[in-house]
Amino acid sequence: MTPTLWFVCAVVALIAEFLTGTFYLLVVSLALAGGGLAALSGLGAVAELAVASLTGIFGWWLVTRWKKRHASPRQPRREPDFGQPVRIVSLADNGLARVHYRGTEWDAELLDKTLASGQTGYISGSDGGRLKISSTPPGQH
C-alpha cells in the first residue's frame, strides 16, 4: 500500500475525531499514521498492517487505562420525591400502607413500624412503584 493512502485515511479519521470528540478515533488515526510510516520505510504490506494493528491495540490500551484512572465516581440518582412528606391513609398487617402524596394514593412500605394511620411520614426511597416511608426526614435520626 502506498504511504499516501495510509496518511489520507489517518487525516480522515482525525477529522472524524474532531467532529465526534472520542479518543478512540484519535487512536485509529495514529494507527493509520503508523502504517504510513511503515510504508515510508519500505516494509511490505504485511508489516505495514502489523505496525498499524499493534499501534492501534497499544493506543486502545492506553486510552482505556486513562479513562479508568480519570473516571468520575458514579453519582447516585437523585430522586425528586426523596424527603417529601406523605400522609399515611391506611395500614395493612404486613408492614405495607397506603399513603397520600401528590394528590393521589400510593402503595408504600413502612420502614418504621411505629407509624400509624393519619401520621406524616417521609419518602426515603422507592422500589418500583412502591414508596419507602420513614418516620423522620432523611438526614435526621
C-alpha atoms as a PDB file:
ATOM      1  CA  MET A   1       0.000   0.000   0.000  1.00  0.00           C
ATOM      2  CA  THR A   2       1.243   3.481  -0.676  1.00  0.00           C
ATOM      3  CA  PRO A   3       2.105   5.789   2.213  1.00  0.00           C
ATOM      4  CA  THR A   4      -0.232   8.403   0.738  1.00  0.00           C
ATOM      5  CA  LEU A   5      -3.251   6.129   1.211  1.00  0.00           C
ATOM      6  CA  TRP A   6      -2.292   5.481   4.839  1.00  0.00           C
ATOM      7  CA  PHE A   7      -1.873   9.189   5.597  1.00  0.00           C
ATOM      8  CA  VAL A   8      -5.073  10.229   3.815  1.00  0.00           C
ATOM      9  CA  CYS A   9      -7.019   7.679   5.860  1.00  0.00           C
ATOM     10  CA  ALA A  10      -5.281   8.928   9.016  1.00  0.00           C
ATOM     11  CA  VAL A  11      -6.341  12.507   8.257  1.00  0.00           C
ATOM     12  CA  VAL A  12      -9.934  11.404   7.594  1.00  0.00           C
ATOM     13  CA  ALA A  13     -10.002   9.568  10.947  1.00  0.00           C
ATOM     14  CA  LEU A  14      -8.508  12.641  12.656  1.00  0.00           C
ATOM     15  CA  ILE A  15     -11.201  14.901  11.171  1.00  0.00           C
ATOM     16  CA  ALA A  16     -13.870  12.435  12.309  1.00  0.00           C
ATOM     17  CA  GLU A  17     -12.324  12.525  15.785  1.00  0.00           C
ATOM     18  CA  PHE A  18     -12.545  16.316  15.866  1.00  0.00           C
ATOM     19  CA  LEU A  19     -16.221  16.123  14.927  1.00  0.00           C
ATOM     20  CA  THR A  20     -17.152  13.450  17.487  1.00  0.00           C
ATOM     21  CA  GLY A  21     -14.692  14.070  20.312  1.00  0.00           C
ATOM     22  CA  THR A  22     -13.794  10.437  21.003  1.00  0.00           C
ATOM     23  CA  PHE A  23     -10.258   9.437  21.867  1.00  0.00           C
ATOM     24  CA  TYR A  24     -10.711   6.125  20.083  1.00  0.00           C
ATOM     25  CA  LEU A  25     -10.817   7.746  16.639  1.00  0.00           C
ATOM     26  CA  LEU A  26      -7.591   9.525  17.565  1.00  0.00           C
ATOM     27  CA  VAL A  27      -6.082   6.098  18.236  1.00  0.00           C
ATOM     28  CA  VAL A  28      -7.323   4.888  14.834  1.00  0.00           C
ATOM     29  CA  SER A  29      -5.755   7.946  13.220  1.00  0.00           C
ATOM     30  CA  LEU A  30      -2.419   7.292  14.954  1.00  0.00           C
ATOM     31  CA  ALA A  31      -2.551   3.614  13.986  1.00  0.00           C
ATOM     32  CA  LEU A  32      -3.112   4.554  10.337  1.00  0.00           C
ATOM     33  CA  ALA A  33      -0.227   7.015  10.540  1.00  0.00           C
ATOM     34  CA  GLY A  34       1.915   4.199  11.967  1.00  0.00           C
ATOM     35  CA  GLY A  35       1.036   2.102   8.931  1.00  0.00           C
ATOM     36  CA  GLY A  36       2.005   5.051   6.729  1.00  0.00           C
ATOM     37  CA  LEU A  37       5.379   5.366   8.444  1.00  0.00           C
ATOM     38  CA  ALA A  38       5.957   1.652   7.951  1.00  0.00           C
ATOM     39  CA  ALA A  39       5.131   2.091   4.263  1.00  0.00           C
ATOM     40  CA  LEU A  40       7.557   5.021   4.012  1.00  0.00           C
ATOM     41  CA  SER A  41      10.327   2.893   5.471  1.00  0.00           C
ATOM     42  CA  GLY A  42       9.833   0.336   2.692  1.00  0.00           C
ATOM     43  CA  LEU A  43       8.291  -2.501   4.692  1.00  0.00           C
ATOM     44  CA  GLY A  44       5.916  -4.881   2.943  1.00  0.00           C
ATOM     45  CA  ALA A  45       2.136  -4.815   3.156  1.00  0.00           C
ATOM     46  CA  VAL A  46       2.014  -7.466   5.915  1.00  0.00           C
ATOM     47  CA  ALA A  47       4.453  -5.483   8.062  1.00  0.00           C
ATOM     48  CA  GLU A  48       2.504  -2.259   7.449  1.00  0.00           C
ATOM     49  CA  LEU A  49      -0.712  -3.925   8.610  1.00  0.00           C
ATOM     50  CA  ALA A  50       1.084  -5.396  11.626  1.00  0.00           C
ATOM     51  CA  VAL A  51       2.505  -1.991  12.650  1.00  0.00           C
ATOM     52  CA  ALA A  52      -0.907  -0.342  12.242  1.00  0.00           C
ATOM     53  CA  SER A  53      -2.608  -3.113  14.249  1.00  0.00           C
ATOM     54  CA  LEU A  54      -0.068  -3.091  17.075  1.00  0.00           C
ATOM     55  CA  THR A  55      -0.162   0.708  17.245  1.00  0.00           C
ATOM     56  CA  GLY A  56      -3.963   0.594  17.439  1.00  0.00           C
ATOM     57  CA  ILE A  57      -4.011  -2.073  20.143  1.00  0.00           C
ATOM     58  CA  PHE A  58      -1.433  -0.191  22.221  1.00  0.00           C
ATOM     59  CA  GLY A  59      -3.326   3.089  21.791  1.00  0.00           C
ATOM     60  CA  TRP A  60      -6.642   1.452  22.732  1.00  0.00           C
ATOM     61  CA  TRP A  61      -4.998   0.045  25.875  1.00  0.00           C
ATOM     62  CA  LEU A  62      -3.615   3.486  26.812  1.00  0.00           C
ATOM     63  CA  VAL A  63      -6.961   5.242  26.292  1.00  0.00           C
ATOM     64  CA  THR A  64      -8.853   2.584  28.270  1.00  0.00           C
ATOM     65  CA  ARG A  65      -6.335   2.821  31.114  1.00  0.00           C
ATOM     66  CA  TRP A  66      -6.507   6.627  31.109  1.00  0.00           C
ATOM     67  CA  LYS A  67     -10.323   6.600  31.147  1.00  0.00           C
ATOM     68  CA  LYS A  68     -10.427   4.208  34.109  1.00  0.00           C
ATOM     69  CA  ARG A  69      -7.987   6.345  36.045  1.00  0.00           C
ATOM     70  CA  HIS A  70      -9.810   9.605  35.326  1.00  0.00           C
ATOM     71  CA  ALA A  71     -13.387   8.345  35.512  1.00  0.00           C
ATOM     72  CA  SER A  72     -15.580  10.387  37.816  1.00  0.00           C
ATOM     73  CA  PRO A  73     -17.308   8.409  40.533  1.00  0.00           C
ATOM     74  CA  ARG A  74     -20.827   7.493  39.610  1.00  0.00           C
ATOM     75  CA  GLN A  75     -23.303   9.894  41.134  1.00  0.00           C
ATOM     76  CA  PRO A  76     -26.301   8.358  42.851  1.00  0.00           C
ATOM     77  CA  ARG A  77     -29.539   9.019  41.056  1.00  0.00           C
ATOM     78  CA  ARG A  78     -31.287  11.916  42.726  1.00  0.00           C
ATOM     79  CA  GLU A  79     -34.971  11.226  43.169  1.00  0.00           C
ATOM     80  CA  PRO A  80     -37.111  14.369  43.317  1.00  0.00           C
ATOM     81  CA  ASP A  81     -39.508  12.725  45.792  1.00  0.00           C
ATOM     82  CA  PHE A  82     -36.758  11.902  48.292  1.00  0.00           C
ATOM     83  CA  GLY A  83     -37.524  13.505  51.681  1.00  0.00           C
ATOM     84  CA  GLN A  84     -41.030  14.687  50.749  1.00  0.00           C
ATOM     85  CA  PRO A  85     -43.743  14.330  53.411  1.00  0.00           C
ATOM     86  CA  VAL A  86     -46.679  11.957  52.912  1.00  0.00           C
ATOM     87  CA  ARG A  87     -49.833  11.328  54.942  1.00  0.00           C
ATOM     88  CA  ILE A  88     -50.491   7.729  55.910  1.00  0.00           C
ATOM     89  CA  VAL A  89     -54.059   6.836  54.895  1.00  0.00           C
ATOM     90  CA  SER A  90     -54.324   3.180  55.906  1.00  0.00           C
ATOM     91  CA  LEU A  91     -52.177   0.349  57.233  1.00  0.00           C
ATOM     92  CA  ALA A  92     -52.003  -3.324  56.286  1.00  0.00           C
ATOM     93  CA  ASP A  93     -50.872  -6.179  58.551  1.00  0.00           C
ATOM     94  CA  ASN A  94     -47.728  -6.940  56.532  1.00  0.00           C
ATOM     95  CA  GLY A  95     -45.985  -3.565  57.037  1.00  0.00           C
ATOM     96  CA  LEU A  96     -47.462  -2.076  53.899  1.00  0.00           C
ATOM     97  CA  ALA A  97     -49.633   1.015  53.781  1.00  0.00           C
ATOM     98  CA  ARG A  98     -51.456   3.424  51.510  1.00  0.00           C
ATOM     99  CA  VAL A  99     -50.181   6.979  51.613  1.00  0.00           C
ATOM    100  CA  HIS A 100     -51.472  10.235  50.165  1.00  0.00           C
ATOM    101  CA  TYR A 101     -48.883  12.068  48.083  1.00  0.00           C
ATOM    102  CA  ARG A 102     -49.222  14.488  45.147  1.00  0.00           C
ATOM    103  CA  GLY A 103     -52.987  14.328  45.113  1.00  0.00           C
ATOM    104  CA  THR A 104     -53.347  10.554  44.937  1.00  0.00           C
ATOM    105  CA  GLU A 105     -52.808   7.402  46.972  1.00  0.00           C
ATOM    106  CA  TRP A 106     -49.690   5.257  46.646  1.00  0.00           C
ATOM    107  CA  ASP A 107     -48.617   1.844  47.892  1.00  0.00           C
ATOM    108  CA  ALA A 108     -45.895   2.176  50.483  1.00  0.00           C
ATOM    109  CA  GLU A 109     -43.617   0.115  52.653  1.00  0.00           C
ATOM    110  CA  LEU A 110     -43.212   1.419  56.201  1.00  0.00           C
ATOM    111  CA  LEU A 111     -39.592   1.316  57.302  1.00  0.00           C
ATOM    112  CA  ASP A 112     -40.582   2.445  60.792  1.00  0.00           C
ATOM    113  CA  LYS A 113     -43.291   0.242  62.332  1.00  0.00           C
ATOM    114  CA  THR A 114     -44.296   2.986  64.820  1.00  0.00           C
ATOM    115  CA  LEU A 115     -46.037   4.974  62.088  1.00  0.00           C
ATOM    116  CA  ALA A 116     -49.831   4.972  62.372  1.00  0.00           C
ATOM    117  CA  SER A 117     -52.709   5.963  60.162  1.00  0.00           C
ATOM    118  CA  GLY A 118     -53.099   9.747  59.944  1.00  0.00           C
ATOM    119  CA  GLN A 119     -49.441  10.461  60.749  1.00  0.00           C
ATOM    120  CA  THR A 120     -46.898  12.078  58.476  1.00  0.00           C
ATOM    121  CA  GLY A 121     -44.032  10.034  57.093  1.00  0.00           C
ATOM    122  CA  TYR A 122     -41.195  10.895  54.738  1.00  0.00           C
ATOM    123  CA  ILE A 123     -40.144   9.283  51.485  1.00  0.00           C
ATOM    124  CA  SER A 124     -36.748   7.677  51.910  1.00  0.00           C
ATOM    125  CA  GLY A 125     -36.699   5.730  48.649  1.00  0.00           C
ATOM    126  CA  SER A 126     -38.748   3.658  46.287  1.00  0.00           C
ATOM    127  CA  ASP A 127     -38.913   0.148  44.920  1.00  0.00           C
ATOM    128  CA  GLY A 128     -40.612   0.257  41.555  1.00  0.00           C
ATOM    129  CA  GLY A 129     -43.947   1.990  42.191  1.00  0.00           C
ATOM    130  CA  ARG A 130     -43.877   1.390  45.954  1.00  0.00           C
ATOM    131  CA  LEU A 131     -42.644   4.225  48.166  1.00  0.00           C
ATOM    132  CA  LYS A 132     -40.458   3.521  51.206  1.00  0.00           C
ATOM    133  CA  ILE A 133     -41.572   5.624  54.164  1.00  0.00           C
ATOM    134  CA  SER A 134     -39.703   6.510  57.355  1.00  0.00           C
ATOM    135  CA  SER A 135     -40.857   8.466  60.400  1.00  0.00           C
ATOM    136  CA  THR A 136     -38.077  11.080  60.141  1.00  0.00           C
ATOM    137  CA  PRO A 137     -36.910  13.147  57.189  1.00  0.00           C
ATOM    138  CA  PRO A 138     -33.766  11.738  55.529  1.00  0.00           C
ATOM    139  CA  GLY A 139     -30.615  13.043  57.159  1.00  0.00           C
ATOM    140  CA  GLN A 140     -32.241  13.318  60.596  1.00  0.00           C
ATOM    141  CA  HIS A 141     -32.201  10.488  63.122  1.00  0.00           C
END
